[in-house]
Amino acid sequence: DDANPLYAQLYAALMDDVYANELRAPLPAALEAAQNTARTQYLTDIGQLGYRSFLPHVEK
């Protein structure tokens, strides 16, 4: 994203590192509630700030 180099940098890091690590193994059941809470809060915060999400695939 040429208009927002920070977005591009963070998105690249997400796709290259974080996203791949998330797919390696399923999340332990004990952490699912915390992950869902964090995801919901993240999307709420991003929406309030007027930024697009770095996780467009979880907004659906």
PDB file of N, CA and C in Angstrom:
ATOM      1  N   ASP A   1       0.860  -1.186   0.000  1.00  0.00           N
ATOM      2  CA  ASP A   1       0.000   0.000   0.000  1.00  0.00           C
ATOM      3  C   ASP A   1       0.891   1.230   0.000  1.00  0.00           C
ATOM      4  N   ASP A   2       1.008   1.868  -1.149  1.00  0.00           N
ATOM      5  CA  ASP A   2       1.913   3.009  -1.298  1.00  0.00           C
ATOM      6  C   ASP A   2       1.487   4.211  -0.472  1.00  0.00           C
ATOM      7  N   ALA A   3       0.200   4.342  -0.216  1.00  0.00           N
ATOM      8  CA  ALA A   3      -0.289   5.499   0.526  1.00  0.00           C
ATOM      9  C   ALA A   3       0.048   5.413   2.008  1.00  0.00           C
ATOM     10  N   ASN A   4       0.293   4.225   2.484  1.00  0.00           N
ATOM     11  CA  ASN A   4       0.574   4.042   3.904  1.00  0.00           C
ATOM     12  C   ASN A   4       1.706   3.027   4.069  1.00  0.00           C
ATOM     13  N   PRO A   5       2.967   3.493   4.068  1.00  0.00           N
ATOM     14  CA  PRO A   5       4.094   2.566   4.146  1.00  0.00           C
ATOM     15  C   PRO A   5       4.126   1.761   5.443  1.00  0.00           C
ATOM     16  N   LEU A   6       3.646   2.331   6.546  1.00  0.00           N
ATOM     17  CA  LEU A   6       3.615   1.576   7.795  1.00  0.00           C
ATOM     18  C   LEU A   6       2.662   0.396   7.669  1.00  0.00           C
ATOM     19  N   TYR A   7       1.502   0.622   7.067  1.00  0.00           N
ATOM     20  CA  TYR A   7       0.554  -0.463   6.824  1.00  0.00           C
ATOM     21  C   TYR A   7       1.217  -1.557   5.990  1.00  0.00           C
ATOM     22  N   ALA A   8       1.881  -1.162   4.920  1.00  0.00           N
ATOM     23  CA  ALA A   8       2.530  -2.130   4.042  1.00  0.00           C
ATOM     24  C   ALA A   8       3.581  -2.933   4.794  1.00  0.00           C
ATOM     25  N   GLN A   9       4.349  -2.265   5.628  1.00  0.00           N
ATOM     26  CA  GLN A   9       5.394  -2.941   6.399  1.00  0.00           C
ATOM     27  C   GLN A   9       4.786  -3.925   7.399  1.00  0.00           C
ATOM     28  N   LEU A  10       3.762  -3.494   8.119  1.00  0.00           N
ATOM     29  CA  LEU A  10       3.129  -4.377   9.098  1.00  0.00           C
ATOM     30  C   LEU A  10       2.407  -5.534   8.426  1.00  0.00           C
ATOM     31  N   TYR A  11       1.762  -5.258   7.306  1.00  0.00           N
ATOM     32  CA  TYR A  11       1.058  -6.315   6.586  1.00  0.00           C
ATOM     33  C   TYR A  11       2.046  -7.353   6.063  1.00  0.00           C
ATOM     34  N   ALA A  12       3.186  -6.903   5.553  1.00  0.00           N
ATOM     35  CA  ALA A  12       4.212  -7.831   5.070  1.00  0.00           C
ATOM     36  C   ALA A  12       4.728  -8.697   6.213  1.00  0.00           C
ATOM     37  N   ALA A  13       4.953  -8.096   7.369  1.00  0.00           N
ATOM     38  CA  ALA A  13       5.408  -8.873   8.526  1.00  0.00           C
ATOM     39  C   ALA A  13       4.350  -9.881   8.936  1.00  0.00           C
ATOM     40  N   LEU A  14       3.099  -9.471   8.897  1.00  0.00           N
ATOM     41  CA  LEU A  14       2.004 -10.373   9.238  1.00  0.00           C
ATOM     42  C   LEU A  14       1.980 -11.565   8.294  1.00  0.00           C
ATOM     43  N   MET A  15       2.048 -11.311   7.007  1.00  0.00           N
ATOM     44  CA  MET A  15       1.953 -12.392   6.036  1.00  0.00           C
ATOM     45  C   MET A  15       3.192 -13.285   6.054  1.00  0.00           C
ATOM     46  N   ASP A  16       4.359 -12.704   6.266  1.00  0.00           N
ATOM     47  CA  ASP A  16       5.601 -13.473   6.212  1.00  0.00           C
ATOM     48  C   ASP A  16       5.890 -14.257   7.479  1.00  0.00           C
ATOM     49  N   ASP A  17       5.443 -13.758   8.619  1.00  0.00           N
ATOM     50  CA  ASP A  17       5.856 -14.350   9.883  1.00  0.00           C
ATOM     51  C   ASP A  17       4.679 -14.791  10.732  1.00  0.00           C
ATOM     52  N   VAL A  18       3.899 -13.853  11.168  1.00  0.00           N
ATOM     53  CA  VAL A  18       2.832 -14.142  12.123  1.00  0.00           C
ATOM     54  C   VAL A  18       1.803 -15.089  11.534  1.00  0.00           C
ATOM     55  N   TYR A  19       1.349 -14.802  10.330  1.00  0.00           N
ATOM     56  CA  TYR A  19       0.288 -15.603   9.723  1.00  0.00           C
ATOM     57  C   TYR A  19       0.740 -17.048   9.553  1.00  0.00           C
ATOM     58  N   ALA A  20       1.958 -17.247   9.093  1.00  0.00           N
ATOM     59  CA  ALA A  20       2.472 -18.611   8.924  1.00  0.00           C
ATOM     60  C   ALA A  20       2.558 -19.338  10.255  1.00  0.00           C
ATOM     61  N   ASN A  21       2.985 -18.645  11.295  1.00  0.00           N
ATOM     62  CA  ASN A  21       3.074 -19.274  12.608  1.00  0.00           C
ATOM     63  C   ASN A  21       1.700 -19.665  13.133  1.00  0.00           C
ATOM     64  N   GLU A  22       0.689 -18.873  12.847  1.00  0.00           N
ATOM     65  CA  GLU A  22      -0.667 -19.184  13.292  1.00  0.00           C
ATOM     66  C   GLU A  22      -1.163 -20.473  12.665  1.00  0.00           C
ATOM     67  N   LEU A  23      -0.709 -20.775  11.460  1.00  0.00           N
ATOM     68  CA  LEU A  23      -1.199 -21.948  10.747  1.00  0.00           C
ATOM     69  C   LEU A  23      -0.430 -23.218  11.089  1.00  0.00           C
ATOM     70  N   ARG A  24       0.636 -23.120  11.845  1.00  0.00           N
ATOM     71  CA  ARG A  24       1.447 -24.304  12.143  1.00  0.00           C
ATOM     72  C   ARG A  24       0.733 -25.313  13.014  1.00  0.00           C
ATOM     73  N   ALA A  25       0.032 -24.845  14.005  1.00  0.00           N
ATOM     74  CA  ALA A  25      -0.642 -25.753  14.928  1.00  0.00           C
ATOM     75  C   ALA A  25      -1.913 -25.088  15.418  1.00  0.00           C
ATOM     76  N   PRO A  26      -2.912 -25.906  15.727  1.00  0.00           N
ATOM     77  CA  PRO A  26      -4.139 -25.301  16.246  1.00  0.00           C
ATOM     78  C   PRO A  26      -3.907 -24.653  17.609  1.00  0.00           C
ATOM     79  N   LEU A  27      -4.665 -23.628  17.870  1.00  0.00           N
ATOM     80  CA  LEU A  27      -4.589 -22.945  19.158  1.00  0.00           C
ATOM     81  C   LEU A  27      -5.149 -23.863  20.239  1.00  0.00           C
ATOM     82  N   PRO A  28      -4.474 -23.992  21.366  1.00  0.00           N
ATOM     83  CA  PRO A  28      -5.026 -24.798  22.458  1.00  0.00           C
ATOM     84  C   PRO A  28      -6.399 -24.265  22.870  1.00  0.00           C
ATOM     85  N   ALA A  29      -7.294 -25.165  23.169  1.00  0.00           N
ATOM     86  CA  ALA A  29      -8.673 -24.792  23.513  1.00  0.00           C
ATOM     87  C   ALA A  29      -8.720 -23.781  24.657  1.00  0.00           C
ATOM     88  N   ALA A  30      -7.776 -23.873  25.581  1.00  0.00           N
ATOM     89  CA  ALA A  30      -7.763 -22.970  26.734  1.00  0.00           C
ATOM     90  C   ALA A  30      -7.505 -21.517  26.323  1.00  0.00           C
ATOM     91  N   LEU A  31      -6.956 -21.297  25.129  1.00  0.00           N
ATOM     92  CA  LEU A  31      -6.640 -19.939  24.684  1.00  0.00           C
ATOM     93  C   LEU A  31      -7.648 -19.377  23.683  1.00  0.00           C
ATOM     94  N   GLU A  32      -8.612 -20.187  23.258  1.00  0.00           N
ATOM     95  CA  GLU A  32      -9.549 -19.730  22.229  1.00  0.00           C
ATOM     96  C   GLU A  32     -10.369 -18.525  22.680  1.00  0.00           C
ATOM     97  N   ALA A  33     -10.856 -18.545  23.910  1.00  0.00           N
ATOM     98  CA  ALA A  33     -11.669 -17.422  24.398  1.00  0.00           C
ATOM     99  C   ALA A  33     -10.847 -16.134  24.424  1.00  0.00           C
ATOM    100  N   ALA A  34      -9.599 -16.228  24.879  1.00  0.00           N
ATOM    101  CA  ALA A  34      -8.732 -15.045  24.925  1.00  0.00           C
ATOM    102  C   ALA A  34      -8.443 -14.533  23.511  1.00  0.00           C
ATOM    103  N   GLN A  35      -8.231 -15.442  22.575  1.00  0.00           N
ATOM    104  CA  GLN A  35      -7.976 -15.035  21.195  1.00  0.00           C
ATOM    105  C   GLN A  35      -9.203 -14.324  20.608  1.00  0.00           C
ATOM    106  N   ASN A  36     -10.376 -14.869  20.852  1.00  0.00           N
ATOM    107  CA  ASN A  36     -11.597 -14.252  20.327  1.00  0.00           C
ATOM    108  C   ASN A  36     -11.829 -12.878  20.936  1.00  0.00           C
ATOM    109  N   THR A  37     -11.582 -12.748  22.231  1.00  0.00           N
ATOM    110  CA  THR A  37     -11.727 -11.454  22.902  1.00  0.00           C
ATOM    111  C   THR A  37     -10.741 -10.444  22.326  1.00  0.00           C
ATOM    112  N   ALA A  38      -9.494 -10.865  22.152  1.00  0.00           N
ATOM    113  CA  ALA A  38      -8.465  -9.973  21.605  1.00  0.00           C
ATOM    114  C   ALA A  38      -8.801  -9.563  20.176  1.00  0.00           C
ATOM    115  N   ARG A  39      -9.268 -10.502  19.358  1.00  0.00           N
ATOM    116  CA  ARG A  39      -9.629 -10.191  17.976  1.00  0.00           C
ATOM    117  C   ARG A  39     -10.772  -9.175  17.933  1.00  0.00           C
ATOM    118  N   THR A  40     -11.783  -9.394  18.760  1.00  0.00           N
ATOM    119  CA  THR A  40     -12.918  -8.471  18.807  1.00  0.00           C
ATOM    120  C   THR A  40     -12.475  -7.077  19.237  1.00  0.00           C
ATOM    121  N   GLN A  41     -11.627  -7.008  20.255  1.00  0.00           N
ATOM    122  CA  GLN A  41     -11.144  -5.705  20.729  1.00  0.00           C
ATOM    123  C   GLN A  41     -10.289  -5.021  19.676  1.00  0.00           C
ATOM    124  N   TYR A  42      -9.449  -5.784  19.005  1.00  0.00           N
ATOM    125  CA  TYR A  42      -8.602  -5.232  17.943  1.00  0.00           C
ATOM    126  C   TYR A  42      -9.464  -4.602  16.848  1.00  0.00           C
ATOM    127  N   LEU A  43     -10.469  -5.336  16.384  1.00  0.00           N
ATOM    128  CA  LEU A  43     -11.319  -4.824  15.316  1.00  0.00           C
ATOM    129  C   LEU A  43     -12.108  -3.602  15.771  1.00  0.00           C
ATOM    130  N   THR A  44     -12.532  -3.590  17.031  1.00  0.00           N
ATOM    131  CA  THR A  44     -13.231  -2.430  17.584  1.00  0.00           C
ATOM    132  C   THR A  44     -12.306  -1.218  17.618  1.00  0.00           C
ATOM    133  N   ASP A  45     -11.097  -1.414  18.120  1.00  0.00           N
ATOM    134  CA  ASP A  45     -10.130  -0.309  18.218  1.00  0.00           C
ATOM    135  C   ASP A  45      -9.775   0.250  16.845  1.00  0.00           C
ATOM    136  N   ILE A  46      -9.512  -0.633  15.896  1.00  0.00           N
ATOM    137  CA  ILE A  46      -9.157  -0.194  14.546  1.00  0.00           C
ATOM    138  C   ILE A  46     -10.311   0.601  13.943  1.00  0.00           C
ATOM    139  N   GLY A  47     -11.538   0.111  14.141  1.00  0.00           N
ATOM    140  CA  GLY A  47     -12.706   0.809  13.609  1.00  0.00           C
ATOM    141  C   GLY A  47     -12.869   2.192  14.213  1.00  0.00           C
ATOM    142  N   GLN A  48     -12.634   2.324  15.510  1.00  0.00           N
ATOM    143  CA  GLN A  48     -12.779   3.620  16.172  1.00  0.00           C
ATOM    144  C   GLN A  48     -11.713   4.609  15.724  1.00  0.00           C
ATOM    145  N   LEU A  49     -10.554   4.112  15.381  1.00  0.00           N
ATOM    146  CA  LEU A  49      -9.462   4.985  14.952  1.00  0.00           C
ATOM    147  C   LEU A  49      -9.565   5.367  13.478  1.00  0.00           C
ATOM    148  N   GLY A  50     -10.437   4.685  12.747  1.00  0.00           N
ATOM    149  CA  GLY A  50     -10.615   4.992  11.333  1.00  0.00           C
ATOM    150  C   GLY A  50      -9.580   4.358  10.425  1.00  0.00           C
ATOM    151  N   TYR A  51      -8.848   3.365  10.921  1.00  0.00           N
ATOM    152  CA  TYR A  51      -7.869   2.671  10.092  1.00  0.00           C
ATOM    153  C   TYR A  51      -8.488   1.415   9.520  1.00  0.00           C
ATOM    154  N   ARG A  52      -7.918   0.944   8.410  1.00  0.00           N
ATOM    155  CA  ARG A  52      -8.356  -0.350   7.934  1.00  0.00           C
ATOM    156  C   ARG A  52      -7.631  -1.412   8.746  1.00  0.00           C
ATOM    157  N   SER A  53      -8.257  -2.533   8.837  1.00  0.00           N
ATOM    158  CA  SER A  53      -7.698  -3.618   9.634  1.00  0.00           C
ATOM    159  C   SER A  53      -6.489  -4.231   8.940  1.00  0.00           C
ATOM    160  N   PHE A  54      -5.565  -4.728   9.744  1.00  0.00           N
ATOM    161  CA  PHE A  54      -4.449  -5.502   9.212  1.00  0.00           C
ATOM    162  C   PHE A  54      -4.846  -6.962   9.041  1.00  0.00           C
ATOM    163  N   LEU A  55      -6.066  -7.305   9.458  1.00  0.00           N
ATOM    164  CA  LEU A  55      -6.550  -8.676   9.346  1.00  0.00           C
ATOM    165  C   LEU A  55      -7.862  -8.703   8.568  1.00  0.00           C
ATOM    166  N   PRO A  56      -7.837  -8.359   7.288  1.00  0.00           N
ATOM    167  CA  PRO A  56      -9.094  -8.270   6.552  1.00  0.00           C
ATOM    168  C   PRO A  56      -9.841  -9.593   6.478  1.00  0.00           C
ATOM    169  N   HIS A  57      -9.133 -10.717   6.571  1.00  0.00           N
ATOM    170  CA  HIS A  57      -9.791 -12.016   6.472  1.00  0.00           C
ATOM    171  C   HIS A  57     -10.613 -12.365   7.706  1.00  0.00           C
ATOM    172  N   VAL A  58     -10.441 -11.683   8.843  1.00  0.00           N
ATOM    173  CA  VAL A  58     -11.243 -11.995  10.030  1.00  0.00           C
ATOM    174  C   VAL A  58     -12.408 -11.035  10.207  1.00  0.00           C
ATOM    175  N   GLU A  59     -12.518 -10.059   9.329  1.00  0.00           N
ATOM    176  CA  GLU A  59     -13.606  -9.092   9.442  1.00  0.00           C
ATOM    177  C   GLU A  59     -14.900  -9.618   8.849  1.00  0.00           C
ATOM    178  N   LYS A  60     -14.827 -10.680   8.075  1.00  0.00           N
ATOM    179  CA  LYS A  60     -16.014 -11.198   7.383  1.00  0.00           C
ATOM    180  C   LYS A  60     -16.970 -11.873   8.326  1.00  0.00           C
TER     181      LYS A  60
END
